[in-house]
Amino acid sequence: MNYYYYTFQSIFRWLAVRLEFVGNCVVFFACLFAVLERDTLSAGIVGLSVTYALNVTQTLNWLVRMTTELETNIVAVERVKEYSEIPTEAPKEIAETKPYPSWPQKGEIVFESYGLRYREGLDLVLKDITCKIQPAEKIGIVGRTGAGKSSLSLGLFRIIEKAKGRILIDGIDISSIGLHDLRSKLTIIPQEPILFSGTLRVNLDPFDTYSDATIWRALEQAHLKSFVESLSRGLQHECTEGGENLSVGQRQLVCLARALLRKSKILLLDEATAAVDLETDDLIQQTIRQEFADCTILTIAHRLNTVMDYNRIMVLSAGKIIEFDSPQNLLNSRGSVFYAMASDAHLL
């Protein structure tokens, strides 16, 4: 705080010195011209001009400060105007198209000529994505940076609305139902773990749906039970804003435990193990394979070894699916992009 305050005062002094220099120049020239024109000017006019010239420095300081404050404060008005013009999200629930409570029962996902752009006027970041993911199938999504892997997850959760095509989950077009009805049925373990200010139990079960025994079982499956037991308050341990009093790896395991509690039919892993070591990564992958065996899993992976035993691998490039087959078939083809990626990762 003192650092920024000192910088502010230094800049203000820098400005004041230069404004006073300009004011002194005005006073100097007013006096100079009064002397040069003393034969034509009366004493009253000379006194009036010098008096007003002396006020220039104060007026300049006031004018610059008011202009700066106006420019700073008008930013708030610009933000309010911008936020008021942002289109709102779709309704949380649509009574006419509300899916049945047990939806989705199978976890089948179908992309039909799906396209996505971040805003109007920009090029498509996903182009003509067409594929069918069978129930309980394990799909690895790989590709170079900017291939569109994370954009696919944004479209699945309708964080960004479609530009063309559609996504069907168990035969229902996800764009026709409410956002709450869709997102409450999907589970994601994000790349950056999200925790809120509150107890550990609230972060795991914010709506108080599950019993303590169920939560402890999820923590054990997430390999976090021993850590929570070592805390003086256990599940009532207070998490600071963003979970800053936990390590990044522990926050990621909390997100995994949260997913284990919900046990949705569709699970999306967005580089979920990027923040943990390889040994913990293997334990987490083993837990996911065991506990989500009957669920459809989409894994956005940078570590190719985590998806080598999946049913199929989706290789994206420039927003398009260029390869979509089993890992064995892709590795048997030496000309495939996946083969080159596995070779670069020294997995062959």
Protein backbone atom coordinates (compact mmCIF):
# COMPACT_ATOMS: atom_id res chain seq x y z
CA MET A 1 0.00 0.00 0.00
CA ASN A 2 2.79 2.43 0.93
CA TYR A 3 4.56 1.56 -2.32
CA TYR A 4 1.58 2.64 -4.44
CA TYR A 5 0.90 5.69 -2.27
CA TYR A 6 4.54 6.80 -2.62
CA THR A 7 4.33 6.35 -6.40
CA PHE A 8 1.12 8.38 -6.51
CA GLN A 9 2.65 11.24 -4.51
CA SER A 10 5.79 11.16 -6.67
CA ILE A 11 3.75 11.48 -9.85
CA PHE A 12 1.67 14.28 -8.32
CA ARG A 13 4.83 16.20 -7.36
CA TRP A 14 6.21 15.64 -10.87
CA LEU A 15 3.05 17.18 -12.30
CA ALA A 16 2.95 20.05 -9.78
CA VAL A 17 6.53 21.15 -10.52
CA ARG A 18 5.82 21.40 -14.23
CA LEU A 19 2.49 23.17 -13.73
CA GLU A 20 4.14 25.69 -11.41
CA PHE A 21 6.87 26.21 -13.99
CA VAL A 22 4.20 27.04 -16.59
CA GLY A 23 2.49 29.38 -14.11
CA ASN A 24 5.76 31.14 -13.30
CA CYS A 25 6.40 31.63 -17.02
CA VAL A 26 2.99 33.33 -17.33
CA VAL A 27 3.80 35.63 -14.37
CA PHE A 28 7.25 36.40 -15.80
CA PHE A 29 5.92 37.37 -19.21
CA ALA A 30 3.07 39.41 -17.66
CA CYS A 31 5.63 41.42 -15.68
CA LEU A 32 7.94 41.68 -18.68
CA PHE A 33 5.23 43.03 -20.96
CA ALA A 34 4.07 45.41 -18.21
CA VAL A 35 7.59 46.90 -18.07
CA LEU A 36 7.94 47.06 -21.85
CA GLU A 37 4.51 48.70 -22.24
CA ARG A 38 4.68 50.90 -19.15
CA ASP A 39 4.09 54.03 -21.24
CA THR A 40 0.74 52.76 -22.55
CA LEU A 41 -0.56 50.82 -19.52
CA SER A 42 -1.95 52.30 -16.35
CA ALA A 43 -0.84 51.08 -12.95
CA GLY A 44 -4.29 49.55 -12.33
CA ILE A 45 -4.16 47.42 -15.50
CA VAL A 46 -0.60 46.25 -14.69
CA GLY A 47 -1.63 45.28 -11.14
CA LEU A 48 -4.71 43.46 -12.40
CA SER A 49 -2.75 41.45 -15.00
CA VAL A 50 -0.01 40.47 -12.55
CA THR A 51 -2.58 39.51 -9.89
CA TYR A 52 -4.43 37.20 -12.30
CA ALA A 53 -1.13 35.81 -13.57
CA LEU A 54 -0.24 34.83 -10.00
CA ASN A 55 -3.46 32.82 -9.79
CA VAL A 56 -2.62 30.79 -12.92
CA THR A 57 -0.55 28.20 -11.01
CA GLN A 58 -3.37 27.41 -8.59
CA THR A 59 -5.93 27.35 -11.41
CA LEU A 60 -3.80 25.01 -13.51
CA ASN A 61 -3.38 22.58 -10.59
CA TRP A 62 -7.11 22.60 -9.91
CA LEU A 63 -8.04 22.21 -13.60
CA VAL A 64 -5.70 19.25 -14.18
CA ARG A 65 -6.78 17.49 -10.97
CA MET A 66 -10.50 17.91 -11.77
CA THR A 67 -9.98 16.67 -15.33
CA THR A 68 -8.10 13.63 -14.05
CA GLU A 69 -10.74 12.82 -11.43
CA LEU A 70 -13.50 13.20 -14.01
CA GLU A 71 -11.71 10.81 -16.39
CA THR A 72 -11.15 8.32 -13.56
CA ASN A 73 -14.70 8.40 -12.26
CA ILE A 74 -16.28 8.24 -15.70
CA VAL A 75 -14.79 4.74 -16.03
CA ALA A 76 -17.42 3.53 -13.54
CA VAL A 77 -20.15 4.92 -15.78
CA GLU A 78 -18.59 3.25 -18.84
CA ARG A 79 -18.48 -0.09 -17.01
CA VAL A 80 -22.10 0.17 -15.91
CA LYS A 81 -23.09 0.99 -19.49
CA GLU A 82 -21.08 -1.94 -20.85
CA TYR A 83 -22.47 -4.41 -18.30
CA SER A 84 -26.02 -3.24 -18.94
CA GLU A 85 -25.61 -3.99 -22.65
CA ILE A 86 -24.14 -7.50 -22.20
CA PRO A 87 -26.66 -10.14 -23.29
CA THR A 88 -27.92 -12.23 -20.38
CA GLU A 89 -27.61 -16.01 -20.25
CA ALA A 90 -30.42 -18.32 -21.23
CA PRO A 91 -33.10 -19.08 -18.58
CA LYS A 92 -32.16 -21.46 -15.78
CA GLU A 93 -35.23 -23.58 -16.41
CA ILE A 94 -37.65 -23.89 -19.31
CA ALA A 95 -40.87 -25.55 -18.20
CA GLU A 96 -41.86 -26.68 -21.71
CA THR A 97 -38.62 -28.57 -22.34
CA LYS A 98 -37.60 -29.54 -18.81
CA PRO A 99 -35.94 -32.99 -18.94
CA TYR A 100 -37.08 -35.80 -16.69
CA PRO A 101 -35.30 -35.94 -13.29
CA SER A 102 -33.23 -39.05 -14.10
CA TRP A 103 -31.84 -37.54 -17.32
CA PRO A 104 -29.30 -38.47 -18.57
CA GLN A 105 -29.62 -42.18 -17.92
CA LYS A 106 -27.13 -43.42 -20.53
CA GLY A 107 -24.68 -40.55 -21.05
CA GLU A 108 -24.66 -40.66 -24.85
CA ILE A 109 -23.29 -37.49 -26.47
CA VAL A 110 -23.79 -36.63 -30.14
CA PHE A 111 -22.22 -33.63 -31.93
CA GLU A 112 -23.94 -32.71 -35.18
CA SER A 113 -22.03 -30.20 -37.36
CA TYR A 114 -21.32 -28.25 -34.18
CA GLY A 115 -19.66 -24.84 -34.49
CA LEU A 116 -18.63 -22.29 -31.88
CA ARG A 117 -17.28 -18.74 -31.86
CA TYR A 118 -16.43 -16.54 -28.90
CA ARG A 119 -18.44 -13.56 -30.12
CA GLU A 120 -20.18 -12.25 -33.19
CA GLY A 121 -17.88 -11.28 -36.02
CA LEU A 122 -15.05 -13.64 -35.05
CA ASP A 123 -14.05 -16.80 -36.87
CA LEU A 124 -15.29 -20.16 -35.66
CA VAL A 125 -13.02 -21.80 -33.09
CA LEU A 126 -14.84 -25.13 -33.49
CA LYS A 127 -15.79 -26.09 -37.04
CA ASP A 128 -18.21 -28.84 -38.06
CA ILE A 129 -17.61 -31.11 -35.07
CA THR A 130 -19.52 -34.29 -35.88
CA CYS A 131 -19.14 -37.42 -33.77
CA LYS A 132 -21.02 -39.83 -31.53
CA ILE A 133 -19.81 -40.80 -28.04
CA GLN A 134 -21.33 -44.00 -26.74
CA PRO A 135 -22.62 -44.37 -23.15
CA ALA A 136 -19.88 -45.11 -20.59
CA GLU A 137 -17.21 -44.52 -23.22
CA LYS A 138 -13.88 -43.02 -22.17
CA ILE A 139 -12.72 -40.35 -24.63
CA GLY A 140 -9.35 -38.63 -24.53
CA ILE A 141 -9.25 -35.19 -26.18
CA VAL A 142 -5.77 -34.13 -27.29
CA GLY A 143 -4.25 -31.55 -29.57
CA ARG A 144 -1.75 -28.75 -29.78
CA THR A 145 -2.27 -25.42 -28.01
CA GLY A 146 -5.19 -23.57 -29.60
CA ALA A 147 -6.68 -26.69 -31.17
CA GLY A 148 -10.06 -26.10 -29.47
CA LYS A 149 -9.97 -28.60 -26.60
CA SER A 150 -11.18 -26.23 -23.87
CA SER A 151 -13.63 -24.59 -26.29
CA LEU A 152 -15.34 -27.97 -26.60
CA SER A 153 -15.96 -28.02 -22.84
CA LEU A 154 -17.27 -24.44 -22.92
CA GLY A 155 -19.77 -25.46 -25.56
CA LEU A 156 -20.85 -28.58 -23.66
CA PHE A 157 -21.69 -26.50 -20.57
CA ARG A 158 -23.10 -23.68 -22.73
CA ILE A 159 -20.72 -21.14 -21.21
CA ILE A 160 -20.62 -20.01 -24.83
CA GLU A 161 -23.67 -20.63 -26.98
CA LYS A 162 -23.42 -22.50 -30.26
CA ALA A 163 -22.91 -20.76 -33.59
CA LYS A 164 -24.22 -23.69 -35.64
CA GLY A 165 -25.22 -27.34 -35.30
CA ARG A 166 -26.26 -28.92 -32.02
CA ILE A 167 -25.24 -31.22 -29.16
CA LEU A 168 -27.53 -34.05 -28.11
CA ILE A 169 -27.28 -35.79 -24.73
CA ASP A 170 -29.44 -38.91 -24.60
CA GLY A 171 -31.38 -37.54 -27.56
CA ILE A 172 -32.15 -34.13 -26.01
CA ASP A 173 -30.80 -30.96 -27.65
CA ILE A 174 -28.98 -29.17 -24.82
CA SER A 175 -29.74 -25.75 -26.34
CA SER A 176 -33.47 -26.32 -25.81
CA ILE A 177 -33.33 -26.81 -22.02
CA GLY A 178 -32.54 -24.48 -19.14
CA LEU A 179 -28.96 -23.87 -18.07
CA HIS A 180 -29.52 -25.19 -14.54
CA ASP A 181 -31.13 -28.35 -15.87
CA LEU A 182 -28.08 -28.91 -18.08
CA ARG A 183 -25.19 -27.93 -15.80
CA SER A 184 -26.59 -29.69 -12.73
CA LYS A 185 -26.39 -32.98 -14.64
CA LEU A 186 -22.78 -32.58 -15.74
CA THR A 187 -19.63 -32.65 -13.63
CA ILE A 188 -16.32 -31.01 -14.41
CA ILE A 189 -12.97 -31.13 -12.68
CA PRO A 190 -11.37 -27.93 -14.02
CA GLN A 191 -7.77 -27.15 -14.80
CA GLU A 192 -7.73 -24.43 -12.14
CA PRO A 193 -9.41 -25.72 -8.94
CA ILE A 194 -12.08 -23.41 -7.53
CA LEU A 195 -12.77 -23.14 -3.79
CA PHE A 196 -14.89 -20.61 -1.94
CA SER A 197 -14.51 -18.92 1.41
CA GLY A 198 -16.08 -21.23 3.99
CA THR A 199 -15.61 -24.61 5.60
CA LEU A 200 -14.23 -27.59 3.76
CA ARG A 201 -17.59 -29.32 4.10
CA VAL A 202 -19.41 -26.41 2.47
CA ASN A 203 -16.96 -26.54 -0.45
CA LEU A 204 -17.60 -30.25 -0.85
CA ASP A 205 -21.37 -30.21 -0.26
CA PRO A 206 -22.71 -26.62 -0.51
CA PHE A 207 -26.38 -27.70 -0.41
CA ASP A 208 -25.95 -30.10 2.53
CA THR A 209 -27.16 -33.06 0.48
CA TYR A 210 -24.83 -35.81 1.67
CA SER A 211 -24.04 -37.30 5.06
CA ASP A 212 -20.66 -36.98 6.75
CA ALA A 213 -20.01 -40.69 6.16
CA THR A 214 -20.53 -40.24 2.41
CA ILE A 215 -18.22 -37.22 2.37
CA TRP A 216 -15.49 -39.08 4.26
CA ARG A 217 -15.78 -41.95 1.78
CA ALA A 218 -15.36 -39.50 -1.12
CA LEU A 219 -12.32 -37.97 0.59
CA GLU A 220 -10.82 -41.43 1.00
CA GLN A 221 -11.37 -42.20 -2.67
CA ALA A 222 -9.75 -38.86 -3.55
CA HIS A 223 -6.70 -39.72 -1.37
CA LEU A 224 -7.41 -36.71 0.85
CA LYS A 225 -8.78 -38.40 3.98
CA SER A 226 -5.48 -38.50 5.92
CA PHE A 227 -4.90 -34.80 5.27
CA VAL A 228 -8.39 -33.78 6.46
CA GLU A 229 -8.05 -36.00 9.55
CA SER A 230 -4.81 -34.20 10.41
CA LEU A 231 -6.63 -30.85 10.51
CA SER A 232 -7.71 -29.71 13.97
CA ARG A 233 -11.30 -29.04 12.84
CA GLY A 234 -11.58 -31.73 10.17
CA LEU A 235 -14.46 -31.02 7.78
CA GLN A 236 -15.08 -27.70 9.57
CA HIS A 237 -11.65 -26.43 8.55
CA GLU A 238 -12.01 -22.87 7.24
CA CYS A 239 -10.87 -22.32 3.65
CA THR A 240 -9.81 -18.80 2.77
CA GLU A 241 -10.97 -17.07 -0.40
CA GLY A 242 -9.90 -19.19 -3.36
CA GLY A 243 -8.55 -21.86 -1.00
CA GLU A 244 -5.27 -20.00 -0.57
CA ASN A 245 -4.50 -21.88 2.67
CA LEU A 246 -4.40 -25.16 0.70
CA SER A 247 -1.85 -26.21 -1.89
CA VAL A 248 -2.86 -26.33 -5.55
CA GLY A 249 -2.70 -30.12 -5.51
CA GLN A 250 -4.92 -30.34 -2.42
CA ARG A 251 -7.44 -27.99 -4.04
CA GLN A 252 -7.49 -30.24 -7.09
CA LEU A 253 -8.17 -33.27 -4.89
CA VAL A 254 -11.04 -31.40 -3.20
CA CYS A 255 -12.54 -30.86 -6.66
CA LEU A 256 -12.12 -34.57 -7.33
CA ALA A 257 -13.91 -35.42 -4.08
CA ARG A 258 -16.71 -33.03 -5.07
CA ALA A 259 -17.08 -34.88 -8.36
CA LEU A 260 -17.12 -38.24 -6.57
CA LEU A 261 -20.01 -37.01 -4.44
CA ARG A 262 -22.13 -35.95 -7.41
CA LYS A 263 -21.36 -39.03 -9.53
CA SER A 264 -22.92 -37.63 -12.72
CA LYS A 265 -23.32 -39.77 -15.82
CA ILE A 266 -21.06 -37.40 -17.74
CA LEU A 267 -17.70 -36.31 -16.33
CA LEU A 268 -15.38 -33.79 -17.97
CA LEU A 269 -11.74 -33.60 -16.89
CA ASP A 270 -10.04 -30.43 -18.11
CA GLU A 271 -6.37 -31.28 -17.48
CA ALA A 272 -7.52 -32.09 -13.97
CA THR A 273 -4.20 -33.60 -12.84
CA ALA A 274 -1.91 -30.93 -14.25
CA ALA A 275 -1.15 -29.54 -10.76
CA VAL A 276 -0.24 -32.83 -9.05
CA ASP A 277 2.80 -35.08 -9.23
CA LEU A 278 2.93 -38.18 -11.41
CA GLU A 279 2.37 -40.62 -8.52
CA THR A 280 -0.74 -38.78 -7.33
CA ASP A 281 -1.83 -38.50 -10.95
CA ASP A 282 -1.76 -42.31 -11.27
CA LEU A 283 -3.81 -42.69 -8.06
CA ILE A 284 -6.40 -40.18 -9.26
CA GLN A 285 -6.67 -41.83 -12.66
CA GLN A 286 -7.14 -45.21 -10.97
CA THR A 287 -9.90 -43.78 -8.76
CA ILE A 288 -11.66 -42.23 -11.76
CA ARG A 289 -11.54 -45.52 -13.68
CA GLN A 290 -13.00 -47.43 -10.74
CA GLU A 291 -15.64 -45.00 -9.47
CA PHE A 292 -16.78 -43.69 -12.87
CA ALA A 293 -16.68 -47.01 -14.73
CA ASP A 294 -20.32 -46.66 -15.83
CA CYS A 295 -20.03 -42.96 -16.70
CA THR A 296 -19.09 -41.20 -19.92
CA ILE A 297 -15.73 -39.52 -19.39
CA LEU A 298 -14.23 -36.78 -21.57
CA THR A 299 -10.63 -36.02 -20.64
CA ILE A 300 -8.74 -33.03 -22.00
CA ALA A 301 -5.17 -34.22 -21.51
CA HIS A 302 -1.67 -32.86 -21.98
CA ARG A 303 -0.12 -35.96 -20.41
CA LEU A 304 -0.85 -38.54 -23.08
CA ASN A 305 -0.09 -41.44 -20.75
CA THR A 306 -3.30 -40.67 -18.81
CA VAL A 307 -5.49 -41.47 -21.83
CA MET A 308 -3.55 -44.28 -23.47
CA ASP A 309 -5.99 -46.91 -22.16
CA TYR A 310 -9.15 -44.98 -23.09
CA ASN A 311 -11.66 -46.33 -25.59
CA ARG A 312 -11.00 -43.67 -28.20
CA ILE A 313 -8.82 -40.61 -28.72
CA MET A 314 -10.13 -37.42 -30.32
CA VAL A 315 -7.34 -35.41 -31.93
CA LEU A 316 -8.25 -31.77 -32.60
CA SER A 317 -6.44 -29.31 -34.84
CA ALA A 318 -7.59 -25.78 -35.75
CA GLY A 319 -11.03 -26.52 -34.32
CA LYS A 320 -11.62 -29.69 -36.36
CA ILE A 321 -11.52 -33.41 -35.58
CA ILE A 322 -8.67 -34.80 -37.63
CA GLU A 323 -8.46 -38.20 -35.94
CA PHE A 324 -10.93 -40.13 -33.83
CA ASP A 325 -10.10 -43.77 -33.15
CA SER A 326 -8.79 -46.14 -30.51
CA PRO A 327 -5.25 -45.48 -29.21
CA GLN A 328 -4.05 -48.80 -30.63
CA ASN A 329 -5.24 -48.02 -34.15
CA LEU A 330 -3.78 -44.50 -34.06
CA LEU A 331 -0.42 -45.76 -32.78
CA ASN A 332 -0.34 -48.48 -35.45
CA SER A 333 -0.53 -45.76 -38.08
CA ARG A 334 2.89 -44.12 -38.20
CA GLY A 335 1.50 -41.24 -40.22
CA SER A 336 -1.09 -40.23 -37.62
CA VAL A 337 -0.84 -37.02 -35.63
CA PHE A 338 -1.38 -38.95 -32.39
CA TYR A 339 1.58 -41.19 -33.22
CA ALA A 340 3.77 -38.10 -33.65
CA MET A 341 2.53 -36.64 -30.34
CA ALA A 342 3.18 -39.92 -28.50
CA SER A 343 6.62 -40.11 -30.06
CA ASP A 344 7.42 -36.56 -28.93
CA ALA A 345 6.30 -37.51 -25.40
CA HIS A 346 8.65 -40.54 -25.46
CA LEU A 347 5.77 -42.97 -24.95
CA LEU A 348 6.84 -45.25 -27.81
